[in-house]
Amino acid sequence: MRIALESPDQPEVVALIGELDAYQDTLYPPEARYALDLASLCRPEVLFAVARSADGKAQGCGAVVLGAADGEVKRMYVRPSARGQGAAAQILQALETAARARGCRALMLETGPMQPDAIAFYERQGFTRCGPFGSYPEHPLSVFMGKALAKASA
């Protein structure tokens, strides 16, 4: 897999985001979903990474919304046919590296209890559970996680 920061408004990437939305629609009611729309993903404070197969097809994506000191992981998704090849970890690592280079000291995320594989993945990547952050309310269908980022080496 090749991972690069790209624009999210490419047709192949829009299709990935649509697949993620369709999947999450089966798990959570609208009031428990906090997805960013395409226009929000195109904002300058958003880092957006795409995983592409050897033949250049988009297989996964993820984003970090940069804040003053922290970033929030959003829109992490890998097509089922591409899972098990390390794409998610590579996407997250690319986002962490890019966020750290822009002064980000920690990453936060919100996921849900209906996605135990996602929770286990984030735990393997060093995220730990925490309370709500930002404007998120406490909600039984939300799991909040965070990870401090090591300082970039000089």
C-alpha atoms as a PDB file:
ATOM      1  CA  MET A   1       0.000   0.000   0.000  1.00  0.00           C
ATOM      2  CA  ARG A   2       1.110   3.516  -0.741  1.00  0.00           C
ATOM      3  CA  ILE A   3      -0.096   6.158   1.738  1.00  0.00           C
ATOM      4  CA  ALA A   4      -0.114   9.861   0.891  1.00  0.00           C
ATOM      5  CA  LEU A   5      -1.839  13.036   1.983  1.00  0.00           C
ATOM      6  CA  GLU A   6      -4.386  13.795  -0.717  1.00  0.00           C
ATOM      7  CA  SER A   7      -7.545  15.773  -1.311  1.00  0.00           C
ATOM      8  CA  PRO A   8     -10.713  14.013  -0.145  1.00  0.00           C
ATOM      9  CA  ASP A   9     -12.813  15.372  -3.028  1.00  0.00           C
ATOM     10  CA  GLN A  10     -11.677  12.784  -5.580  1.00  0.00           C
ATOM     11  CA  PRO A  11     -14.400  10.445  -6.909  1.00  0.00           C
ATOM     12  CA  GLU A  12     -12.653   7.293  -5.638  1.00  0.00           C
ATOM     13  CA  VAL A  13     -12.217   8.800  -2.192  1.00  0.00           C
ATOM     14  CA  VAL A  14     -15.788  10.091  -2.089  1.00  0.00           C
ATOM     15  CA  ALA A  15     -16.843   6.493  -2.803  1.00  0.00           C
ATOM     16  CA  LEU A  16     -14.775   5.273   0.186  1.00  0.00           C
ATOM     17  CA  ILE A  17     -16.445   7.835   2.436  1.00  0.00           C
ATOM     18  CA  GLY A  18     -19.831   6.688   1.113  1.00  0.00           C
ATOM     19  CA  GLU A  19     -18.979   3.097   2.001  1.00  0.00           C
ATOM     20  CA  LEU A  20     -18.035   4.188   5.515  1.00  0.00           C
ATOM     21  CA  ASP A  21     -21.290   6.119   5.897  1.00  0.00           C
ATOM     22  CA  ALA A  22     -23.350   3.163   4.661  1.00  0.00           C
ATOM     23  CA  TYR A  23     -21.596   0.875   7.150  1.00  0.00           C
ATOM     24  CA  GLN A  24     -22.073   3.250  10.081  1.00  0.00           C
ATOM     25  CA  ASP A  25     -25.730   3.732   9.138  1.00  0.00           C
ATOM     26  CA  THR A  26     -26.211   0.050  10.014  1.00  0.00           C
ATOM     27  CA  LEU A  27     -24.666   0.525  13.463  1.00  0.00           C
ATOM     28  CA  TYR A  28     -25.694   3.880  14.909  1.00  0.00           C
ATOM     29  CA  PRO A  29     -28.679   6.238  14.835  1.00  0.00           C
ATOM     30  CA  PRO A  30     -28.090   9.708  13.313  1.00  0.00           C
ATOM     31  CA  GLU A  31     -27.925  11.418  16.724  1.00  0.00           C
ATOM     32  CA  ALA A  32     -24.953   9.219  17.692  1.00  0.00           C
ATOM     33  CA  ARG A  33     -22.920   9.921  14.547  1.00  0.00           C
ATOM     34  CA  TYR A  34     -20.425  12.756  14.318  1.00  0.00           C
ATOM     35  CA  ALA A  35     -19.050  12.339  10.797  1.00  0.00           C
ATOM     36  CA  LEU A  36     -17.524  15.236   8.882  1.00  0.00           C
ATOM     37  CA  ASP A  37     -19.011  16.007   5.489  1.00  0.00           C
ATOM     38  CA  LEU A  38     -16.900  16.400   2.361  1.00  0.00           C
ATOM     39  CA  ALA A  39     -16.764  20.202   2.582  1.00  0.00           C
ATOM     40  CA  SER A  40     -15.442  19.980   6.156  1.00  0.00           C
ATOM     41  CA  LEU A  41     -12.831  17.419   5.110  1.00  0.00           C
ATOM     42  CA  CYS A  42     -11.542  19.863   2.479  1.00  0.00           C
ATOM     43  CA  ARG A  43     -10.794  22.615   5.014  1.00  0.00           C
ATOM     44  CA  PRO A  44      -7.143  23.682   5.403  1.00  0.00           C
ATOM     45  CA  GLU A  45      -6.884  22.440   9.008  1.00  0.00           C
ATOM     46  CA  VAL A  46      -7.668  18.877   7.916  1.00  0.00           C
ATOM     47  CA  LEU A  47      -4.984  16.368   6.994  1.00  0.00           C
ATOM     48  CA  PHE A  48      -6.432  13.627   4.798  1.00  0.00           C
ATOM     49  CA  ALA A  49      -4.540  10.429   3.979  1.00  0.00           C
ATOM     50  CA  VAL A  50      -5.383   7.868   1.317  1.00  0.00           C
ATOM     51  CA  ALA A  51      -4.095   4.300   1.004  1.00  0.00           C
ATOM     52  CA  ARG A  52      -3.701   3.112  -2.569  1.00  0.00           C
ATOM     53  CA  SER A  53      -3.020  -0.362  -3.886  1.00  0.00           C
ATOM     54  CA  ALA A  54      -0.105  -1.119  -6.210  1.00  0.00           C
ATOM     55  CA  ASP A  55      -2.372  -0.360  -9.174  1.00  0.00           C
ATOM     56  CA  GLY A  56      -3.335   3.030  -7.704  1.00  0.00           C
ATOM     57  CA  LYS A  57      -6.856   2.234  -6.512  1.00  0.00           C
ATOM     58  CA  ALA A  58      -8.014   3.936  -3.308  1.00  0.00           C
ATOM     59  CA  GLN A  59      -8.407   1.291  -0.591  1.00  0.00           C
ATOM     60  CA  GLY A  60      -8.608   3.293   2.616  1.00  0.00           C
ATOM     61  CA  CYS A  61      -8.586   6.750   4.122  1.00  0.00           C
ATOM     62  CA  GLY A  62      -8.392   8.725   7.313  1.00  0.00           C
ATOM     63  CA  ALA A  63      -8.240  12.308   8.500  1.00  0.00           C
ATOM     64  CA  VAL A  64      -6.986  14.436  11.357  1.00  0.00           C
ATOM     65  CA  VAL A  65      -8.627  17.745  12.156  1.00  0.00           C
ATOM     66  CA  LEU A  66      -5.942  19.955  13.653  1.00  0.00           C
ATOM     67  CA  GLY A  67      -6.775  22.117  16.647  1.00  0.00           C
ATOM     68  CA  ALA A  68      -4.643  24.503  18.681  1.00  0.00           C
ATOM     69  CA  ALA A  69      -2.582  21.705  20.263  1.00  0.00           C
ATOM     70  CA  ASP A  70      -4.503  18.492  19.638  1.00  0.00           C
ATOM     71  CA  GLY A  71      -5.915  16.749  16.606  1.00  0.00           C
ATOM     72  CA  GLU A  72      -8.970  14.585  16.138  1.00  0.00           C
ATOM     73  CA  VAL A  73      -8.897  11.405  14.072  1.00  0.00           C
ATOM     74  CA  LYS A  74     -11.892  11.188  11.748  1.00  0.00           C
ATOM     75  CA  ARG A  75     -13.087   9.116   8.803  1.00  0.00           C
ATOM     76  CA  MET A  76     -10.786   6.116   9.254  1.00  0.00           C
ATOM     77  CA  TYR A  77     -11.866   3.398   6.840  1.00  0.00           C
ATOM     78  CA  VAL A  78     -10.313   0.531   4.906  1.00  0.00           C
ATOM     79  CA  ARG A  79     -12.303  -1.463   2.368  1.00  0.00           C
ATOM     80  CA  PRO A  80     -13.021  -4.997   3.620  1.00  0.00           C
ATOM     81  CA  SER A  81     -11.114  -6.488   0.667  1.00  0.00           C
ATOM     82  CA  ALA A  82      -7.970  -4.575   1.709  1.00  0.00           C
ATOM     83  CA  ARG A  83      -8.073  -5.322   5.427  1.00  0.00           C
ATOM     84  CA  GLY A  84      -5.387  -7.385   7.100  1.00  0.00           C
ATOM     85  CA  GLN A  85      -2.589  -5.801   5.060  1.00  0.00           C
ATOM     86  CA  GLY A  86      -1.637  -3.065   7.536  1.00  0.00           C
ATOM     87  CA  ALA A  87      -3.296  -0.219   5.639  1.00  0.00           C
ATOM     88  CA  ALA A  88      -5.108   1.205   8.677  1.00  0.00           C
ATOM     89  CA  ALA A  89      -1.922   1.303  10.748  1.00  0.00           C
ATOM     90  CA  GLN A  90      -0.048   2.924   7.860  1.00  0.00           C
ATOM     91  CA  ILE A  91      -2.772   5.554   7.389  1.00  0.00           C
ATOM     92  CA  LEU A  92      -2.793   6.350  11.097  1.00  0.00           C
ATOM     93  CA  GLN A  93       1.015   6.524  11.219  1.00  0.00           C
ATOM     94  CA  ALA A  94       1.098   8.915   8.250  1.00  0.00           C
ATOM     95  CA  LEU A  95      -1.519  11.112   9.929  1.00  0.00           C
ATOM     96  CA  GLU A  96       0.350  11.058  13.253  1.00  0.00           C
ATOM     97  CA  THR A  97       3.603  12.040  11.542  1.00  0.00           C
ATOM     98  CA  ALA A  98       1.967  14.879   9.605  1.00  0.00           C
ATOM     99  CA  ALA A  99       0.070  16.123  12.674  1.00  0.00           C
ATOM    100  CA  ARG A 100       3.199  16.039  14.850  1.00  0.00           C
ATOM    101  CA  ALA A 101       5.091  18.013  12.179  1.00  0.00           C
ATOM    102  CA  ARG A 102       2.400  20.712  12.495  1.00  0.00           C
ATOM    103  CA  GLY A 103       2.796  20.949  16.266  1.00  0.00           C
ATOM    104  CA  CYS A 104       0.082  18.542  17.336  1.00  0.00           C
ATOM    105  CA  ARG A 105       0.803  17.110  20.796  1.00  0.00           C
ATOM    106  CA  ALA A 106      -2.030  14.577  21.082  1.00  0.00           C
ATOM    107  CA  LEU A 107      -4.655  12.824  19.010  1.00  0.00           C
ATOM    108  CA  MET A 108      -8.193  12.236  20.175  1.00  0.00           C
ATOM    109  CA  LEU A 109     -11.013  10.229  18.621  1.00  0.00           C
ATOM    110  CA  GLU A 110     -14.596   9.186  19.079  1.00  0.00           C
ATOM    111  CA  THR A 111     -15.762   5.766  17.942  1.00  0.00           C
ATOM    112  CA  GLY A 112     -18.543   3.496  19.064  1.00  0.00           C
ATOM    113  CA  PRO A 113     -19.053   0.346  21.102  1.00  0.00           C
ATOM    114  CA  MET A 114     -20.549  -1.443  18.091  1.00  0.00           C
ATOM    115  CA  GLN A 115     -17.061  -1.423  16.533  1.00  0.00           C
ATOM    116  CA  PRO A 116     -14.966  -3.602  18.862  1.00  0.00           C
ATOM    117  CA  ASP A 117     -12.414  -4.282  16.118  1.00  0.00           C
ATOM    118  CA  ALA A 118     -11.844  -0.533  15.700  1.00  0.00           C
ATOM    119  CA  ILE A 119     -11.467  -0.071  19.450  1.00  0.00           C
ATOM    120  CA  ALA A 120      -8.963  -2.938  19.611  1.00  0.00           C
ATOM    121  CA  PHE A 121      -7.063  -1.464  16.638  1.00  0.00           C
ATOM    122  CA  TYR A 122      -6.781   1.943  18.296  1.00  0.00           C
ATOM    123  CA  GLU A 123      -5.652   0.334  21.560  1.00  0.00           C
ATOM    124  CA  ARG A 124      -2.914  -1.528  19.656  1.00  0.00           C
ATOM    125  CA  GLN A 125      -1.855   1.835  18.217  1.00  0.00           C
ATOM    126  CA  GLY A 126      -1.404   3.300  21.705  1.00  0.00           C
ATOM    127  CA  PHE A 127      -4.757   5.013  22.246  1.00  0.00           C
ATOM    128  CA  THR A 128      -6.405   4.748  25.654  1.00  0.00           C
ATOM    129  CA  ARG A 129      -9.963   5.397  26.685  1.00  0.00           C
ATOM    130  CA  CYS A 130     -10.790   8.793  28.105  1.00  0.00           C
ATOM    131  CA  GLY A 131     -13.795  11.004  28.738  1.00  0.00           C
ATOM    132  CA  PRO A 132     -15.584  13.201  26.213  1.00  0.00           C
ATOM    133  CA  PHE A 133     -13.542  16.001  24.661  1.00  0.00           C
ATOM    134  CA  GLY A 134     -14.338  19.124  22.696  1.00  0.00           C
ATOM    135  CA  SER A 135     -18.064  19.560  22.181  1.00  0.00           C
ATOM    136  CA  TYR A 136     -18.906  15.849  22.376  1.00  0.00           C
ATOM    137  CA  PRO A 137     -21.579  14.923  24.914  1.00  0.00           C
ATOM    138  CA  GLU A 138     -21.347  11.844  27.099  1.00  0.00           C
ATOM    139  CA  HIS A 139     -23.300   9.203  25.166  1.00  0.00           C
ATOM    140  CA  PRO A 140     -23.689   5.428  25.588  1.00  0.00           C
ATOM    141  CA  LEU A 141     -22.904   4.933  21.884  1.00  0.00           C
ATOM    142  CA  SER A 142     -19.612   6.834  22.096  1.00  0.00           C
ATOM    143  CA  VAL A 143     -16.176   5.597  23.085  1.00  0.00           C
ATOM    144  CA  PHE A 144     -13.569   8.342  23.495  1.00  0.00           C
ATOM    145  CA  MET A 145      -9.860   7.675  23.159  1.00  0.00           C
ATOM    146  CA  GLY A 146      -6.651   9.688  23.165  1.00  0.00           C
ATOM    147  CA  LYS A 147      -2.946   9.332  22.537  1.00  0.00           C
ATOM    148  CA  ALA A 148      -0.056  11.644  23.357  1.00  0.00           C
ATOM    149  CA  LEU A 149       2.317  12.135  20.441  1.00  0.00           C
ATOM    150  CA  ALA A 150       6.035  11.943  21.021  1.00  0.00           C
ATOM    151  CA  LYS A 151       7.929  15.099  20.138  1.00  0.00           C
ATOM    152  CA  ALA A 152       9.466  15.112  16.692  1.00  0.00           C
ATOM    153  CA  SER A 153      13.171  14.371  16.867  1.00  0.00           C
ATOM    154  CA  ALA A 154      15.469  17.199  15.797  1.00  0.00           C
END
